[in-house]
C-alpha atoms as a PDB file:
ATOM      1  CA  VAL A   1    -163.460 103.272 133.988  1.00  0.00           C
ATOM      2  CA  ILE A   2    -161.100 100.327 134.315  1.00  0.00           C
ATOM      3  CA  ASN A   3    -157.525 101.279 133.483  1.00  0.00           C
ATOM      4  CA  VAL A   4    -155.414  98.670 131.698  1.00  0.00           C
ATOM      5  CA  ASP A   5    -152.301 100.584 130.720  1.00  0.00           C
ATOM      6  CA  LYS A   6    -149.054  98.581 130.740  1.00  0.00           C
ATOM      7  CA  GLU A   7    -147.184 100.765 133.217  1.00  0.00           C
ATOM      8  CA  ASP A   8    -149.587 100.831 136.165  1.00  0.00           C
ATOM      9  CA  ASN A   9    -152.123  98.047 135.702  1.00  0.00           C
ATOM     10  CA  HIS A  10    -150.267  94.789 135.152  1.00  0.00           C
ATOM     11  CA  ALA A  11    -152.801  92.679 137.090  1.00  0.00           C
ATOM     12  CA  GLU A  12    -155.726  93.950 135.012  1.00  0.00           C
ATOM     13  CA  ARG A  13    -153.867  93.190 131.783  1.00  0.00           C
ATOM     14  CA  GLU A  14    -153.052  89.688 133.001  1.00  0.00           C
ATOM     15  CA  TYR A  15    -156.740  89.142 133.738  1.00  0.00           C
ATOM     16  CA  LEU A  16    -157.641  90.231 130.194  1.00  0.00           C
ATOM     17  CA  LYS A  17    -154.994  87.851 128.839  1.00  0.00           C
ATOM     18  CA  SER A  18    -156.528  84.971 130.789  1.00  0.00           C
ATOM     19  CA  ILE A  19    -159.929  85.769 129.287  1.00  0.00           C
ATOM     20  CA  LEU A  20    -158.528  85.792 125.757  1.00  0.00           C
ATOM     21  CA  LEU A  21    -156.410  82.651 126.181  1.00  0.00           C
ATOM     22  CA  LYS A  22    -158.983  80.406 127.868  1.00  0.00           C
ATOM     23  CA  PRO A  23    -161.887  79.825 125.474  1.00  0.00           C
ATOM     24  CA  ASP A  24    -164.206  78.232 128.043  1.00  0.00           C
ATOM     25  CA  LEU A  25    -163.658  80.654 130.889  1.00  0.00           C
ATOM     26  CA  PRO A  26    -167.110  81.528 132.266  1.00  0.00           C
ATOM     27  CA  THR A  27    -165.971  84.958 133.447  1.00  0.00           C
ATOM     28  CA  ASP A  28    -165.294  86.486 130.033  1.00  0.00           C
ATOM     29  CA  SER A  29    -167.797  89.265 130.635  1.00  0.00           C
ATOM     30  CA  LEU A  30    -168.081  92.580 132.363  1.00  0.00           C
ATOM     31  CA  LYS A  31    -170.818  92.314 134.962  1.00  0.00           C
ATOM     32  CA  PHE A  32    -173.058  95.277 135.723  1.00  0.00           C
ATOM     33  CA  THR A  33    -175.009  95.190 138.978  1.00  0.00           C
ATOM     34  CA  VAL A  34    -178.308  97.058 139.242  1.00  0.00           C
ATOM     35  CA  VAL A  35    -179.068  97.989 142.855  1.00  0.00           C
ATOM     36  CA  SER A  36    -181.881  99.671 144.729  1.00  0.00           C
ATOM     37  CA  ASP A  37    -181.176 102.540 147.076  1.00  0.00           C
ATOM     38  CA  PRO A  38    -182.686 102.346 150.546  1.00  0.00           C
ATOM     39  CA  PRO A  39    -185.799 104.462 151.136  1.00  0.00           C
ATOM     40  CA  GLU A  40    -185.224 108.087 152.191  1.00  0.00           C
ATOM     41  CA  ASP A  41    -186.427 107.374 155.725  1.00  0.00           C
ATOM     42  CA  GLU A  42    -184.189 104.291 156.134  1.00  0.00           C
ATOM     43  CA  GLN A  43    -180.782 105.428 154.870  1.00  0.00           C
ATOM     44  CA  ASP A  44    -178.998 103.104 157.312  1.00  0.00           C
ATOM     45  CA  LEU A  45    -180.090 100.087 155.252  1.00  0.00           C
ATOM     46  CA  GLU A  46    -177.845  98.569 152.590  1.00  0.00           C
ATOM     47  CA  CYS A  47    -178.454  98.727 148.841  1.00  0.00           C
ATOM     48  CA  GLU A  48    -179.992  95.558 147.472  1.00  0.00           C
ATOM     49  CA  ASP A  49    -179.001  93.795 144.272  1.00  0.00           C
ATOM     50  CA  ILE A  50    -181.940  93.798 141.869  1.00  0.00           C
ATOM     51  CA  GLY A  51    -180.321  92.365 138.775  1.00  0.00           C
ATOM     52  CA  PHE A  52    -177.259  91.792 136.658  1.00  0.00           C
ATOM     53  CA  ALA A  53    -176.304  92.557 133.066  1.00  0.00           C
ATOM     54  CA  TYR A  54    -173.313  91.275 131.122  1.00  0.00           C
ATOM     55  CA  VAL A  55    -171.131  92.336 128.184  1.00  0.00           C
ATOM     56  CA  SER A  56    -168.818  89.742 126.633  1.00  0.00           C
ATOM     57  CA  LEU A  57    -165.269  91.001 126.164  1.00  0.00           C
ATOM     58  CA  LYS A  58    -164.496  88.095 123.823  1.00  0.00           C
ATOM     59  CA  GLU A  59    -167.427  89.128 121.660  1.00  0.00           C
ATOM     60  CA  ILE A  60    -166.114  92.699 121.417  1.00  0.00           C
ATOM     61  CA  LEU A  61    -162.783  91.348 120.166  1.00  0.00           C
ATOM     62  CA  GLN A  62    -164.383  88.815 117.808  1.00  0.00           C
ATOM     63  CA  LYS A  63    -166.718  91.388 116.243  1.00  0.00           C
ATOM     64  CA  GLN A  64    -163.970  94.045 116.262  1.00  0.00           C
ATOM     65  CA  ARG A  65    -166.245  96.775 117.573  1.00  0.00           C
ATOM     66  CA  ASP A  66    -166.945  98.549 120.833  1.00  0.00           C
ATOM     67  CA  ILE A  67    -170.414  98.665 122.318  1.00  0.00           C
ATOM     68  CA  ILE A  68    -171.796 102.185 122.105  1.00  0.00           C
ATOM     69  CA  GLU A  69    -175.076 103.006 123.848  1.00  0.00           C
ATOM     70  CA  GLN A  70    -176.457  99.504 123.404  1.00  0.00           C
ATOM     71  CA  ASP A  71    -179.378  98.100 125.381  1.00  0.00           C
ATOM     72  CA  ILE A  72    -178.519  94.877 127.189  1.00  0.00           C
ATOM     73  CA  ASP A  73    -180.806  92.616 129.195  1.00  0.00           C
ATOM     74  CA  VAL A  74    -180.878  92.857 132.988  1.00  0.00           C
ATOM     75  CA  PHE A  75    -181.456  89.489 134.635  1.00  0.00           C
ATOM     76  CA  ASP A  76    -183.223  89.115 137.980  1.00  0.00           C
ATOM     77  CA  SER A  77    -180.813  88.591 140.886  1.00  0.00           C
ATOM     78  CA  GLN A  78    -183.121  85.876 142.275  1.00  0.00           C
ATOM     79  CA  ASP A  79    -183.875  84.137 138.945  1.00  0.00           C
ATOM     80  CA  ALA A  80    -181.028  84.406 136.428  1.00  0.00           C
ATOM     81  CA  SER A  81    -183.302  83.234 133.609  1.00  0.00           C
ATOM     82  CA  ALA A  82    -185.795  86.095 134.058  1.00  0.00           C
ATOM     83  CA  VAL A  83    -185.167  89.349 132.182  1.00  0.00           C
ATOM     84  CA  ILE A  84    -186.439  92.256 134.269  1.00  0.00           C
ATOM     85  CA  GLY A  85    -185.357  95.202 132.146  1.00  0.00           C
ATOM     86  CA  LYS A  86    -182.769  96.835 129.930  1.00  0.00           C
ATOM     87  CA  LEU A  87    -179.616  98.776 130.683  1.00  0.00           C
ATOM     88  CA  THR A  88    -178.007 101.123 128.167  1.00  0.00           C
ATOM     89  CA  VAL A  89    -174.227 100.758 128.258  1.00  0.00           C
ATOM     90  CA  THR A  90    -171.115 101.888 126.440  1.00  0.00           C
ATOM     91  CA  VAL A  91    -168.037  99.675 126.628  1.00  0.00           C
ATOM     92  CA  GLU A  92    -165.012 101.019 124.803  1.00  0.00           C
ATOM     93  CA  ALA A  93    -162.583  98.135 125.182  1.00  0.00           C
ATOM     94  CA  LEU A  94    -161.568  97.120 121.667  1.00  0.00           C
ATOM     95  CA  ARG A  95    -158.286  99.031 121.608  1.00  0.00           C
ATOM     96  CA  ALA A  96    -157.200  97.585 124.969  1.00  0.00           C
ATOM     97  CA  LEU A  97    -158.302  94.074 123.984  1.00  0.00           C
ATOM     98  CA  ARG A  98    -156.353  94.304 120.705  1.00  0.00           C
ATOM     99  CA  SER A  99    -153.249  95.432 122.597  1.00  0.00           C
ATOM    100  CA  VAL A 100    -153.521  92.576 125.100  1.00  0.00           C
ATOM    101  CA  HIS A 101    -154.258  90.113 122.308  1.00  0.00           C
ATOM    102  CA  GLU A 102    -151.048  91.157 120.521  1.00  0.00           C
ATOM    103  CA  GLU A 103    -149.092  90.489 123.722  1.00  0.00           C
ATOM    104  CA  CYS A 104    -150.530  86.969 123.824  1.00  0.00           C
ATOM    105  CA  LYS A 105    -149.063  86.083 120.427  1.00  0.00           C
END
């Protein structure tokens, strides 16, 4: 959960505004990181990034609908062009994006 209420999360709202106002901003997406846990017998090791999946916030606003239990591609962390699986996500951001968009006008 990423809170974007006006009272306590000004920085997050400003970030959303920057996404909506700059059409060519490459970071207009939420990024999901898929990691591997270390083996049971080696818990002192770090988790490793396996892949990444993205949801476009601009697309949610353009299509005027949240993403509910949708499968999105997971791209290999070593080869961003290789799809290595699917991730089922829900992103309920439309109401917040509409509110921020109104502030931009």
